[in-house]
N, C-alpha and C. Protein backbone atom coordinates (compact mmCIF):
# COMPACT_ATOMS: atom_id res chain seq x y z
N MET A 1 1.46 15.38 -5.31
CA MET A 1 1.05 15.17 -3.91
C MET A 1 0.59 13.70 -3.60
N LEU A 2 1.07 13.28 -2.56
CA LEU A 2 0.78 11.89 -2.14
C LEU A 2 -0.68 11.68 -1.83
N GLU A 3 -1.24 10.80 -2.49
CA GLU A 3 -2.58 10.50 -2.29
C GLU A 3 -2.98 9.65 -1.02
N LEU A 4 -3.67 10.03 -0.07
CA LEU A 4 -3.84 9.37 1.17
C LEU A 4 -5.09 8.60 1.02
N ARG A 5 -4.96 7.24 0.75
CA ARG A 5 -6.09 6.40 0.56
C ARG A 5 -6.68 5.97 1.85
N PRO A 6 -7.95 5.74 2.03
CA PRO A 6 -8.61 5.54 3.24
C PRO A 6 -8.63 4.13 3.78
N SER A 7 -8.33 3.21 2.94
CA SER A 7 -8.33 1.75 3.36
C SER A 7 -7.46 0.99 2.63
N CYS A 8 -7.14 -0.28 3.32
CA CYS A 8 -6.15 -1.33 2.71
C CYS A 8 -6.88 -1.78 1.52
N GLU A 9 -6.10 -1.93 0.53
CA GLU A 9 -6.55 -2.63 -0.88
C GLU A 9 -6.56 -4.02 -0.86
N GLY A 10 -6.12 -4.78 0.14
CA GLY A 10 -6.02 -6.08 0.39
C GLY A 10 -7.17 -6.56 1.34
N CYS A 11 -7.48 -5.91 2.46
CA CYS A 11 -8.42 -6.57 3.35
C CYS A 11 -9.54 -5.40 3.75
N SER A 12 -9.38 -4.26 3.02
CA SER A 12 -10.36 -3.12 3.46
C SER A 12 -10.24 -2.60 4.81
N LYS A 13 -9.21 -2.96 5.56
CA LYS A 13 -9.21 -2.18 7.04
C LYS A 13 -9.03 -0.81 6.78
N SER A 14 -9.76 0.00 7.64
CA SER A 14 -9.75 1.45 7.62
C SER A 14 -8.20 1.99 7.85
N LEU A 15 -7.74 2.82 7.18
CA LEU A 15 -6.49 3.54 7.33
C LEU A 15 -6.55 4.98 7.28
N PRO A 16 -7.05 5.64 8.26
CA PRO A 16 -7.09 7.07 8.47
C PRO A 16 -5.74 7.61 8.18
N PRO A 17 -5.75 9.07 7.85
CA PRO A 17 -4.55 9.61 7.50
C PRO A 17 -3.39 9.58 8.65
N ASN A 18 -3.81 9.40 9.90
CA ASN A 18 -2.83 9.16 10.96
C ASN A 18 -2.45 7.65 11.23
N ALA A 19 -2.97 6.74 10.45
CA ALA A 19 -2.64 5.48 10.59
C ALA A 19 -1.16 5.02 10.62
N THR A 20 -0.65 4.46 11.55
CA THR A 20 0.78 4.14 11.53
C THR A 20 1.07 2.88 10.97
N ASP A 21 0.14 2.08 10.62
CA ASP A 21 0.40 0.64 9.93
C ASP A 21 0.02 0.83 8.42
N ALA A 22 -0.15 1.98 7.81
CA ALA A 22 -0.43 2.13 6.50
C ALA A 22 0.90 1.94 5.64
N MET A 23 0.85 1.21 4.66
CA MET A 23 2.12 1.00 3.77
C MET A 23 1.70 1.42 2.34
N ILE A 24 2.70 1.91 1.70
CA ILE A 24 2.40 2.53 0.33
C ILE A 24 3.61 1.99 -0.72
N CYS A 25 3.22 1.88 -1.99
CA CYS A 25 4.38 1.63 -2.87
C CYS A 25 4.62 2.88 -3.65
N THR A 26 5.37 2.99 -4.53
CA THR A 26 5.81 4.26 -5.32
C THR A 26 4.65 5.00 -5.91
N TYR A 27 3.52 4.09 -6.29
CA TYR A 27 2.39 4.62 -6.99
C TYR A 27 1.20 4.96 -5.91
N THR A 28 1.54 4.84 -4.67
CA THR A 28 0.59 5.05 -3.56
C THR A 28 -0.58 4.10 -3.44
N TYR A 29 -0.33 2.85 -4.05
CA TYR A 29 -1.14 1.76 -3.69
C TYR A 29 -1.10 1.48 -2.25
N THR A 30 -2.17 1.36 -1.56
CA THR A 30 -2.07 1.43 -0.11
C THR A 30 -2.56 -0.03 0.67
N PHE A 31 -1.81 -0.50 1.43
CA PHE A 31 -2.09 -1.76 2.08
C PHE A 31 -1.64 -1.43 3.64
N CYS A 32 -2.43 -2.23 4.48
CA CYS A 32 -2.02 -2.37 5.83
C CYS A 32 -0.80 -3.15 6.00
N GLY A 33 -0.06 -3.05 7.17
CA GLY A 33 1.23 -3.72 7.47
C GLY A 33 1.13 -5.09 7.21
N VAL A 34 0.06 -5.86 7.59
CA VAL A 34 -0.17 -7.26 7.67
C VAL A 34 -0.34 -7.61 6.20
N CYS A 35 -1.18 -7.01 5.32
CA CYS A 35 -1.19 -7.36 3.99
C CYS A 35 0.10 -7.09 3.26
N ALA A 36 0.78 -5.87 3.45
CA ALA A 36 1.94 -5.50 2.70
C ALA A 36 3.09 -6.49 2.91
N LEU A 37 3.27 -6.83 4.17
CA LEU A 37 4.50 -7.59 4.54
C LEU A 37 4.28 -9.17 4.70
N THR A 38 3.10 -9.60 5.03
CA THR A 38 2.91 -11.01 5.24
C THR A 38 2.17 -11.55 3.97
N THR A 39 0.89 -11.14 3.61
CA THR A 39 0.31 -11.67 2.33
C THR A 39 0.95 -11.53 1.10
N LEU A 40 1.45 -10.07 0.94
CA LEU A 40 2.12 -9.74 -0.25
C LEU A 40 3.67 -9.95 -0.26
N ARG A 41 4.23 -10.05 0.91
CA ARG A 41 5.60 -10.43 1.13
C ARG A 41 6.47 -9.22 0.52
N ASN A 42 6.02 -7.97 0.74
CA ASN A 42 6.67 -6.84 0.35
C ASN A 42 6.92 -6.70 -1.23
N VAL A 43 6.02 -7.23 -1.94
CA VAL A 43 6.04 -6.96 -3.41
C VAL A 43 4.69 -6.46 -3.71
N CYS A 44 4.58 -5.24 -4.30
CA CYS A 44 3.19 -4.72 -4.60
C CYS A 44 2.72 -5.58 -5.78
N PRO A 45 1.38 -5.96 -5.72
CA PRO A 45 0.77 -6.86 -6.86
C PRO A 45 0.52 -6.08 -8.01
N ASN A 46 0.57 -4.58 -7.84
CA ASN A 46 0.19 -3.73 -9.03
C ASN A 46 1.42 -3.31 -9.89
N CYS A 47 2.48 -2.91 -9.13
CA CYS A 47 3.73 -2.35 -9.79
C CYS A 47 4.93 -3.28 -9.51
N GLY A 48 4.97 -4.26 -8.64
CA GLY A 48 6.09 -4.97 -8.44
C GLY A 48 7.27 -4.31 -7.35
N GLY A 49 6.86 -3.17 -7.01
CA GLY A 49 7.78 -2.47 -6.12
C GLY A 49 7.67 -2.99 -4.66
N ASN A 50 8.35 -2.34 -3.88
CA ASN A 50 8.30 -2.63 -2.43
C ASN A 50 7.32 -1.69 -1.72
N PHE A 51 7.25 -1.70 -0.46
CA PHE A 51 6.40 -0.90 0.42
C PHE A 51 7.13 -0.19 1.45
N GLN A 52 6.76 1.04 1.70
CA GLN A 52 7.26 1.74 2.82
C GLN A 52 6.15 2.26 3.60
N HIS A 53 6.39 2.70 4.93
CA HIS A 53 5.40 3.19 5.82
C HIS A 53 4.91 4.58 5.18
N ARG A 54 3.65 4.85 5.15
CA ARG A 54 3.07 5.94 4.62
C ARG A 54 3.34 7.13 5.66
N PRO A 55 3.84 8.32 5.07
CA PRO A 55 4.02 9.34 6.11
C PRO A 55 2.74 9.90 6.64
N ILE A 56 2.69 10.46 7.78
CA ILE A 56 1.65 11.15 8.46
C ILE A 56 1.56 12.56 7.91
N ARG A 57 0.41 12.89 7.58
CA ARG A 57 0.26 14.37 7.07
C ARG A 57 -0.20 15.13 8.37
N THR A 58 0.33 16.31 8.60
CA THR A 58 -0.06 17.00 9.86
C THR A 58 -1.49 17.55 9.66
N ARG A 59 -2.19 17.91 10.84
CA ARG A 59 -3.67 18.32 10.69
C ARG A 59 -3.74 19.59 9.88
N ALA A 60 -2.81 20.58 9.87
CA ALA A 60 -2.72 21.82 9.15
C ALA A 60 -2.80 21.40 7.66
N GLN A 61 -2.01 20.44 7.27
CA GLN A 61 -1.75 20.15 5.90
C GLN A 61 -3.10 19.31 5.36
N LEU A 62 -3.60 18.53 6.38
CA LEU A 62 -4.76 17.95 5.95
C LEU A 62 -6.06 18.87 5.58
N VAL A 63 -5.99 19.97 6.27
CA VAL A 63 -7.03 20.98 5.84
C VAL A 63 -6.69 21.56 4.43
N LYS A 64 -5.47 21.76 4.26
CA LYS A 64 -5.24 22.22 2.77
C LYS A 64 -5.34 21.12 1.72
N HIS A 65 -4.80 19.85 2.13
CA HIS A 65 -4.85 18.73 1.17
C HIS A 65 -5.46 17.66 1.97
N PRO A 66 -6.84 17.45 1.94
CA PRO A 66 -7.35 16.49 2.55
C PRO A 66 -7.20 15.06 1.95
N ALA A 67 -7.32 14.14 2.95
CA ALA A 67 -7.13 12.61 2.33
C ALA A 67 -8.33 12.15 1.56
N ARG A 68 -8.19 11.32 0.69
CA ARG A 68 -9.18 10.83 -0.12
C ARG A 68 -10.15 10.07 0.65
N VAL A 69 -11.60 10.10 0.30
CA VAL A 69 -12.53 9.70 1.22
C VAL A 69 -13.22 8.34 0.39
N GLU A 70 -13.07 8.16 -0.78
CA GLU A 70 -13.56 7.12 -1.60
C GLU A 70 -12.69 5.81 -1.36
N ARG A 71 -13.21 4.86 -0.87
CA ARG A 71 -12.36 3.61 -0.73
C ARG A 71 -12.02 2.90 -2.09
N ILE A 72 -10.89 2.27 -2.15
CA ILE A 72 -10.52 1.49 -3.31
C ILE A 72 -10.95 0.11 -3.16
N PRO A 73 -11.57 -0.56 -4.15
CA PRO A 73 -11.95 -2.00 -3.93
C PRO A 73 -10.80 -2.82 -3.55
N VAL A 74 -11.12 -3.88 -2.79
CA VAL A 74 -10.14 -4.94 -2.42
C VAL A 74 -9.84 -5.56 -3.72
N SER A 75 -8.39 -5.71 -4.02
CA SER A 75 -8.07 -6.35 -5.27
C SER A 75 -6.79 -7.31 -5.28
N ILE A 76 -6.71 -8.07 -4.23
CA ILE A 76 -5.66 -9.09 -4.22
C ILE A 76 -6.18 -10.55 -4.61
N ASP A 77 -5.46 -10.78 -5.76
CA ASP A 77 -5.83 -12.15 -6.20
C ASP A 77 -4.65 -13.10 -5.80
N GLU A 78 -4.79 -13.72 -4.65
CA GLU A 78 -3.60 -14.43 -4.19
C GLU A 78 -2.89 -15.34 -5.04
N THR A 79 -3.67 -16.13 -5.82
CA THR A 79 -3.05 -16.94 -6.85
C THR A 79 -2.13 -16.29 -7.82
N ALA A 80 -2.71 -15.22 -8.42
CA ALA A 80 -2.01 -14.44 -9.49
C ALA A 80 -0.69 -13.78 -8.75
N HIS A 81 -1.09 -13.29 -7.54
CA HIS A 81 0.20 -12.76 -6.85
C HIS A 81 1.34 -13.76 -6.62
N ALA A 82 0.81 -14.96 -6.20
CA ALA A 82 1.97 -16.01 -6.08
C ALA A 82 2.99 -16.18 -7.22
N SER A 83 2.30 -16.17 -8.27
CA SER A 83 3.20 -16.28 -9.54
C SER A 83 4.04 -15.21 -9.84
N PHE A 84 3.36 -13.79 -9.63
CA PHE A 84 3.89 -12.48 -9.79
C PHE A 84 5.12 -12.48 -8.95
N PHE A 85 4.94 -12.97 -7.52
CA PHE A 85 5.97 -12.94 -6.54
C PHE A 85 7.09 -13.76 -7.03
N GLU A 86 6.97 -14.80 -7.54
CA GLU A 86 8.06 -15.75 -8.00
C GLU A 86 9.02 -14.97 -8.96
N ARG A 87 8.61 -14.06 -9.64
CA ARG A 87 9.34 -13.23 -10.61
C ARG A 87 10.39 -12.48 -9.80
N TYR A 88 9.96 -12.04 -8.59
CA TYR A 88 10.74 -11.14 -7.79
C TYR A 88 11.31 -11.57 -6.50
N ARG A 89 11.01 -12.76 -6.09
CA ARG A 89 11.39 -13.17 -4.88
C ARG A 89 12.90 -13.12 -4.50
N ASP A 90 13.74 -13.17 -5.51
CA ASP A 90 15.19 -13.18 -5.21
C ASP A 90 15.76 -11.81 -5.84
N THR A 91 14.94 -10.95 -5.97
CA THR A 91 15.48 -9.69 -6.56
C THR A 91 15.31 -8.48 -5.61
N PRO A 92 16.32 -7.92 -5.11
CA PRO A 92 16.00 -6.90 -4.14
C PRO A 92 15.26 -5.64 -4.83
N ALA A 93 14.52 -4.99 -4.06
CA ALA A 93 13.46 -3.98 -4.47
C ALA A 93 14.26 -2.92 -5.26
N ALA A 94 15.43 -2.63 -5.08
CA ALA A 94 16.30 -1.57 -5.88
C ALA A 94 16.54 -2.23 -7.30
N GLU A 95 16.55 -3.34 -7.50
CA GLU A 95 16.93 -4.03 -8.68
C GLU A 95 15.84 -4.54 -9.48
N ARG A 96 14.50 -4.34 -9.04
CA ARG A 96 13.38 -4.74 -9.85
C ARG A 96 13.19 -4.02 -10.98
């Protein structure tokens, strides 16, 4: 089951279940579109994968499988990510 995290792990912006700018990696690390595509340049600082738009869960499904309410602490270390990014900058996501 996809974990719907309530906030951006980069800037702490609220990302409710119906947020259209929520982006996730394969492990459901969650970032807003600005952090995922601009700050992180489409490389997850946790797993090295890329980001995709998080799907919207229907209201009926939210009743059965609610979104997470506990926020994840902000955890982007921009200096560390810059060196991490260098390893992946020229490698397409499918080949990382």
